[in-house]
């Protein structure tokens, strides 16, 4: 049976979901100190069952994606803090729709009805929230470099945008532990398919994590990485290079006019045909961001509303 609470230090613990730490779940951090604190709320009710969740005083969020916030209701007595860059997404449903990227669905997915598809998505029983917008009343806003003194434990919030505009990592400098959120070393590379995601910002954020060179790296969706057995810096370089290589191959493929759909169907992107419509949408969103980036770099031109070609 998977161990759901893993001690990293005297006070710092990783909370893992009972199932795999993939959507709709994510790993979270529990700090058992003078100010009992959790970072993120997506590990599921079964994972939090062994915590005194009513005793948690502070809940820090890495960013406002469903798999990180769906368990907020478990922490009824906690003050909730989130990145200042995403404050509006917690209180404005129209802005949240833009934040997610779904405003681009008709352009990229045509007549496929997103709302009908959503009706058939069944969430696990220990995920209490429904997908989509949920209003969250924040107690405070986080900015880069903010320090939280929790007793013997001190944690610094590091703004690491790209995945989302207000994505934050959390660094326990004394212990050498970094919780990097969705800078997650996924085998397929990083995800930046949201409406306000930014690949250029992600490049800078990944380098920021590389420069910190933590002793232990905890991500939202993977195992714990320890510098004793893992070359964390090299893993991060390989992780971001997956996207850079896809971009380079896309540029080569644009020797003649191509659409985003045509790019998405190429083997160097992924096995597009076997993905769900939602996965296909996120893939197209990321390709769209690369096309805009290559246009800014003067390497690609947009011929009309659909076609792109290498200059």
Protein backbone atom coordinates (compact mmCIF):
# COMPACT_ATOMS: atom_id res chain seq x y z
CA UNK A 1 0.00 0.00 0.00
CA UNK A 2 1.29 3.46 -0.91
CA UNK A 3 2.58 5.44 2.04
CA UNK A 4 0.54 8.64 2.13
CA UNK A 5 2.50 10.61 4.75
CA UNK A 6 6.26 10.77 4.20
CA UNK A 7 8.55 12.50 6.67
CA UNK A 8 11.19 14.74 5.11
CA UNK A 9 12.35 16.35 8.35
CA UNK A 10 11.21 16.80 11.93
CA UNK A 11 8.40 19.12 10.84
CA UNK A 12 8.03 18.77 7.06
CA UNK A 13 6.00 15.97 5.53
CA UNK A 14 4.77 15.07 2.05
CA UNK A 15 1.11 14.13 1.75
CA UNK A 16 0.55 11.80 -1.19
CA UNK A 17 -2.84 10.77 -2.61
CA UNK A 18 -3.99 7.21 -2.06
CA UNK A 19 -4.20 6.93 -5.88
CA UNK A 20 -1.53 8.16 -8.27
CA UNK A 21 -0.62 11.81 -7.78
CA UNK A 22 -2.11 12.77 -11.13
CA UNK A 23 -5.19 14.84 -11.98
CA UNK A 24 -7.48 15.28 -10.10
CA UNK A 25 -4.92 14.68 -7.34
CA UNK A 26 -1.62 16.31 -6.41
CA UNK A 27 0.96 15.96 -3.68
CA UNK A 28 0.86 18.47 -0.86
CA UNK A 29 3.13 19.50 1.99
CA UNK A 30 2.25 19.43 5.69
CA UNK A 31 4.28 21.45 8.19
CA UNK A 32 3.68 20.15 11.70
CA UNK A 33 4.96 23.07 13.73
CA UNK A 34 3.75 25.93 15.92
CA UNK A 35 1.61 27.16 13.01
CA UNK A 36 0.24 23.95 11.46
CA UNK A 37 0.32 24.56 7.72
CA UNK A 38 -0.48 22.83 4.45
CA UNK A 39 0.75 23.74 1.00
CA UNK A 40 -1.91 22.87 -1.60
CA UNK A 41 -5.15 20.97 -1.09
CA UNK A 42 -5.35 18.34 -3.79
CA UNK A 43 -4.28 15.10 -2.13
CA UNK A 44 -7.83 13.85 -1.54
CA UNK A 45 -9.89 13.17 1.54
CA UNK A 46 -8.38 9.74 2.18
CA UNK A 47 -4.88 11.21 2.27
CA UNK A 48 -5.92 13.96 4.70
CA UNK A 49 -7.80 11.54 6.96
CA UNK A 50 -4.74 11.02 9.18
CA UNK A 51 -4.29 14.78 9.69
CA UNK A 52 -6.16 16.91 12.15
CA UNK A 53 -7.36 19.14 9.33
CA UNK A 54 -9.40 21.30 11.73
CA UNK A 55 -6.14 22.21 13.42
CA UNK A 56 -4.52 23.52 10.22
CA UNK A 57 -4.14 27.29 10.64
CA UNK A 58 -2.61 28.22 7.29
CA UNK A 59 -3.16 26.92 3.76
CA UNK A 60 -0.70 28.16 1.12
CA UNK A 61 -1.60 27.53 -2.51
CA UNK A 62 0.86 27.01 -5.33
CA UNK A 63 -1.68 28.14 -7.96
CA UNK A 64 -5.37 28.03 -8.85
CA UNK A 65 -5.71 24.80 -10.79
CA UNK A 66 -8.41 22.31 -9.83
CA UNK A 67 -6.06 19.51 -8.80
CA UNK A 68 -4.44 21.84 -6.24
CA UNK A 69 -7.52 23.53 -4.77
CA UNK A 70 -10.32 20.94 -4.90
CA UNK A 71 -9.84 20.00 -1.24
CA UNK A 72 -9.95 23.50 0.24
CA UNK A 73 -13.22 22.65 2.00
CA UNK A 74 -11.37 20.15 4.21
CA UNK A 75 -9.46 23.02 5.86
CA UNK A 76 -12.34 24.85 7.47
CA UNK A 77 -10.28 26.81 9.99
CA UNK A 78 -7.31 27.70 7.81
CA UNK A 79 -6.36 31.13 6.53
CA UNK A 80 -5.89 30.75 2.77
CA UNK A 81 -3.08 32.58 0.96
CA UNK A 82 -2.42 32.54 -2.77
CA UNK A 83 -0.27 34.32 -5.34
CA UNK A 84 -1.21 37.95 -5.93
CA UNK A 85 -1.04 37.40 -9.70
CA UNK A 86 -4.03 35.05 -9.58
CA UNK A 87 -6.15 36.82 -6.96
CA UNK A 88 -8.89 37.67 -9.47
CA UNK A 89 -9.24 34.03 -10.57
CA UNK A 90 -10.53 33.12 -7.09
CA UNK A 91 -13.38 35.65 -7.11
CA UNK A 92 -14.35 36.32 -10.76
CA UNK A 93 -15.89 33.46 -12.77
CA UNK A 94 -15.49 35.24 -16.13
CA UNK A 95 -11.82 35.89 -15.46
CA UNK A 96 -11.39 32.30 -14.32
CA UNK A 97 -12.73 31.11 -17.69
CA UNK A 98 -10.06 33.17 -19.45
CA UNK A 99 -7.47 31.96 -16.92
CA UNK A 100 -8.21 28.32 -17.74
CA UNK A 101 -8.00 28.94 -21.49
CA UNK A 102 -11.45 27.61 -22.34
CA UNK A 103 -12.30 30.81 -24.20
CA UNK A 104 -10.04 29.39 -26.93
CA UNK A 105 -11.97 26.10 -27.16
CA UNK A 106 -14.17 27.08 -30.17
CA UNK A 107 -11.15 28.29 -32.15
CA UNK A 108 -9.06 25.19 -31.51
CA UNK A 109 -11.71 22.46 -31.17
CA UNK A 110 -14.43 23.55 -33.59
CA UNK A 111 -17.86 22.03 -33.01
CA UNK A 112 -16.85 19.62 -30.22
CA UNK A 113 -19.08 20.52 -27.27
CA UNK A 114 -16.97 20.94 -24.15
CA UNK A 115 -19.90 21.13 -21.73
CA UNK A 116 -21.38 17.86 -22.99
CA UNK A 117 -18.01 16.16 -22.57
CA UNK A 118 -17.70 17.48 -19.02
CA UNK A 119 -20.97 15.82 -18.00
CA UNK A 120 -19.41 12.38 -18.31
CA UNK A 121 -16.33 13.08 -16.18
CA UNK A 122 -16.73 11.32 -12.83
CA UNK A 123 -14.47 12.46 -10.00
CA UNK A 124 -13.32 10.18 -7.16
CA UNK A 125 -15.43 10.18 -4.01
CA UNK A 126 -12.73 11.87 -1.90
CA UNK A 127 -12.54 14.91 -4.20
CA UNK A 128 -15.24 17.18 -2.75
CA UNK A 129 -15.36 19.99 -5.33
CA UNK A 130 -16.85 20.03 -8.81
CA UNK A 131 -14.68 20.91 -11.79
CA UNK A 132 -14.73 24.51 -12.90
CA UNK A 133 -14.85 27.80 -11.06
CA UNK A 134 -15.16 27.85 -7.29
CA UNK A 135 -15.03 31.05 -5.30
CA UNK A 136 -12.34 31.12 -2.63
CA UNK A 137 -12.13 33.84 0.00
CA UNK A 138 -8.45 34.58 0.42
CA UNK A 139 -6.96 35.82 3.70
CA UNK A 140 -3.78 37.10 2.12
CA UNK A 141 -1.81 37.48 -1.09
CA UNK A 142 1.67 36.11 -1.69
CA UNK A 143 4.46 37.87 -3.55
CA UNK A 144 7.93 36.72 -4.52
CA UNK A 145 10.25 36.36 -1.54
CA UNK A 146 7.57 36.34 1.15
CA UNK A 147 8.72 34.43 4.24
CA UNK A 148 6.38 32.47 6.50
CA UNK A 149 7.65 31.80 10.03
CA UNK A 150 5.84 28.71 11.25
CA UNK A 151 7.76 27.99 14.46
CA UNK A 152 11.06 26.19 13.99
CA UNK A 153 10.27 26.06 10.27
CA UNK A 154 10.68 28.92 7.83
CA UNK A 155 9.48 28.75 4.23
CA UNK A 156 10.03 31.23 1.42
CA UNK A 157 7.54 31.70 -1.42
CA UNK A 158 9.21 31.89 -4.84
CA UNK A 159 7.29 33.24 -7.81
CA UNK A 160 7.77 30.69 -10.59
CA UNK A 161 5.32 31.68 -13.35
CA UNK A 162 4.82 30.01 -16.70
CA UNK A 163 2.64 27.06 -15.84
CA UNK A 164 0.27 29.74 -14.60
CA UNK A 165 0.85 33.45 -13.91
CA UNK A 166 0.74 33.14 -10.14
CA UNK A 167 2.48 29.80 -9.74
CA UNK A 168 4.64 29.66 -6.60
CA UNK A 169 7.26 27.23 -5.36
CA UNK A 170 8.08 26.99 -1.64
CA UNK A 171 11.64 26.73 -0.37
CA UNK A 172 12.69 25.44 3.04
CA UNK A 173 16.22 26.77 2.83
CA UNK A 174 17.51 25.43 6.16
CA UNK A 175 16.43 21.90 5.23
CA UNK A 176 17.35 22.26 1.53
CA UNK A 177 13.81 21.19 0.53
CA UNK A 178 11.99 22.77 -2.40
CA UNK A 179 8.34 22.15 -3.23
CA UNK A 180 8.24 23.06 -6.92
CA UNK A 181 4.54 22.49 -7.60
CA UNK A 182 3.83 21.87 -11.26
CA UNK A 183 7.42 22.27 -12.31
CA UNK A 184 7.08 18.55 -11.92
CA UNK A 185 9.64 16.71 -14.09
CA UNK A 186 6.84 14.94 -15.97
CA UNK A 187 8.21 12.52 -18.60
CA UNK A 188 6.35 14.39 -21.36
CA UNK A 189 7.73 17.75 -20.32
CA UNK A 190 6.09 20.78 -18.74
CA UNK A 191 2.46 21.84 -19.12
CA UNK A 192 1.71 25.44 -20.11
CA UNK A 193 -1.67 25.15 -21.81
CA UNK A 194 -3.66 27.60 -19.70
CA UNK A 195 -5.07 30.81 -21.04
CA UNK A 196 -2.47 32.87 -19.14
CA UNK A 197 0.37 30.34 -19.26
CA UNK A 198 3.65 31.66 -20.66
CA UNK A 199 6.44 29.47 -22.01
CA UNK A 200 9.08 32.20 -21.88
CA UNK A 201 8.29 32.77 -18.20
CA UNK A 202 8.48 29.01 -17.62
CA UNK A 203 11.99 28.90 -19.07
CA UNK A 204 13.08 31.48 -16.50
CA UNK A 205 11.29 29.70 -13.65
CA UNK A 206 12.88 26.33 -14.39
CA UNK A 207 16.29 28.01 -14.44
CA UNK A 208 15.44 29.58 -11.08
CA UNK A 209 14.87 26.10 -9.63
CA UNK A 210 18.08 24.83 -11.25
CA UNK A 211 20.04 27.71 -9.67
CA UNK A 212 18.64 26.91 -6.21
CA UNK A 213 19.91 23.33 -6.59
CA UNK A 214 17.83 21.90 -3.74
CA UNK A 215 18.91 18.90 -1.70
CA UNK A 216 15.39 17.47 -2.01
CA UNK A 217 12.85 18.34 -4.70
CA UNK A 218 9.16 17.58 -4.12
CA UNK A 219 6.85 18.10 -7.08
CA UNK A 220 3.06 18.01 -7.30
CA UNK A 221 2.78 14.91 -9.46
CA UNK A 222 5.94 12.83 -9.17
CA UNK A 223 8.05 11.09 -6.58
CA UNK A 224 10.50 12.76 -4.18
CA UNK A 225 13.85 13.57 -5.80
CA UNK A 226 16.96 13.45 -3.59
CA UNK A 227 20.34 14.80 -4.70
CA UNK A 228 22.01 11.72 -3.17
CA UNK A 229 20.53 9.57 -5.91
CA UNK A 230 19.20 12.05 -8.48
CA UNK A 231 20.95 14.73 -10.51
CA UNK A 232 18.15 17.21 -9.96
CA UNK A 233 19.69 19.99 -12.03
CA UNK A 234 20.18 17.70 -15.03
CA UNK A 235 16.65 16.33 -14.71
CA UNK A 236 15.30 19.88 -14.80
CA UNK A 237 17.35 20.68 -17.91
CA UNK A 238 16.07 17.57 -19.67
CA UNK A 239 12.53 18.43 -18.59
CA UNK A 240 12.47 21.88 -20.19
CA UNK A 241 14.44 20.66 -23.21
CA UNK A 242 11.55 18.33 -24.10
CA UNK A 243 9.49 21.40 -24.98
CA UNK A 244 12.37 23.17 -26.68
CA UNK A 245 12.96 20.11 -28.86
CA UNK A 246 9.28 19.95 -29.82
CA UNK A 247 9.46 23.63 -30.74
CA UNK A 248 12.56 23.04 -32.90
CA UNK A 249 10.91 20.09 -34.64
CA UNK A 250 7.74 22.12 -35.20
CA UNK A 251 9.82 24.87 -36.78
CA UNK A 252 11.44 22.35 -39.12
CA UNK A 253 8.01 20.95 -40.01
CA UNK A 254 6.85 24.44 -41.01
CA UNK A 255 8.91 24.38 -44.22
CA UNK A 256 5.50 24.70 -45.86
CA UNK A 257 2.22 26.11 -44.49
CA UNK A 258 0.76 24.01 -41.68
CA UNK A 259 -2.13 24.32 -39.24
CA UNK A 260 -2.03 23.78 -35.49
CA UNK A 261 -4.05 20.58 -36.03
CA UNK A 262 -1.40 19.29 -38.45
CA UNK A 263 1.42 20.09 -36.04
CA UNK A 264 -0.46 18.39 -33.18
CA UNK A 265 -0.79 15.20 -35.22
CA UNK A 266 2.96 14.77 -35.66
CA UNK A 267 4.75 12.00 -33.77
CA UNK A 268 7.28 14.44 -32.36
CA UNK A 269 4.47 16.15 -30.43
CA UNK A 270 2.77 13.02 -29.03
CA UNK A 271 0.25 10.34 -29.93
CA UNK A 272 -2.46 12.92 -30.52
CA UNK A 273 -5.03 10.51 -31.97
CA UNK A 274 -5.35 8.49 -28.75
CA UNK A 275 -5.87 11.48 -26.48
CA UNK A 276 -9.17 12.71 -25.08
CA UNK A 277 -10.60 15.92 -26.55
CA UNK A 278 -9.44 17.75 -23.42
CA UNK A 279 -5.87 16.50 -23.79
CA UNK A 280 -5.96 17.42 -27.47
CA UNK A 281 -7.11 20.91 -26.55
CA UNK A 282 -4.25 21.45 -24.09
CA UNK A 283 -1.77 20.18 -26.68
CA UNK A 284 -3.11 22.67 -29.23
CA UNK A 285 -2.99 25.46 -26.65
CA UNK A 286 0.70 24.81 -26.07
CA UNK A 287 1.43 24.65 -29.80
CA UNK A 288 -0.44 27.93 -30.21
CA UNK A 289 1.84 29.53 -27.62
CA UNK A 290 4.92 28.27 -29.47
CA UNK A 291 3.59 29.73 -32.74
CA UNK A 292 3.12 33.12 -31.09
CA UNK A 293 6.60 32.88 -29.56
CA UNK A 294 8.21 31.95 -32.91
CA UNK A 295 6.41 34.85 -34.57
CA UNK A 296 7.83 37.21 -31.91
CA UNK A 297 11.29 35.75 -32.56
CA UNK A 298 10.89 36.42 -36.28
CA UNK A 299 11.16 32.74 -37.22
CA UNK A 300 7.56 32.05 -38.25
CA UNK A 301 4.88 34.00 -40.08
CA UNK A 302 1.13 33.54 -39.87
CA UNK A 303 -0.30 33.32 -43.36
CA UNK A 304 -4.00 33.52 -42.45
CA UNK A 305 -6.21 32.55 -39.52
CA UNK A 306 -5.08 28.90 -39.66
CA UNK A 307 -1.74 28.49 -41.41
CA UNK A 308 1.82 29.09 -40.20
CA UNK A 309 5.09 28.83 -42.09
CA UNK A 310 8.76 29.10 -41.27
CA UNK A 311 10.44 32.28 -42.49
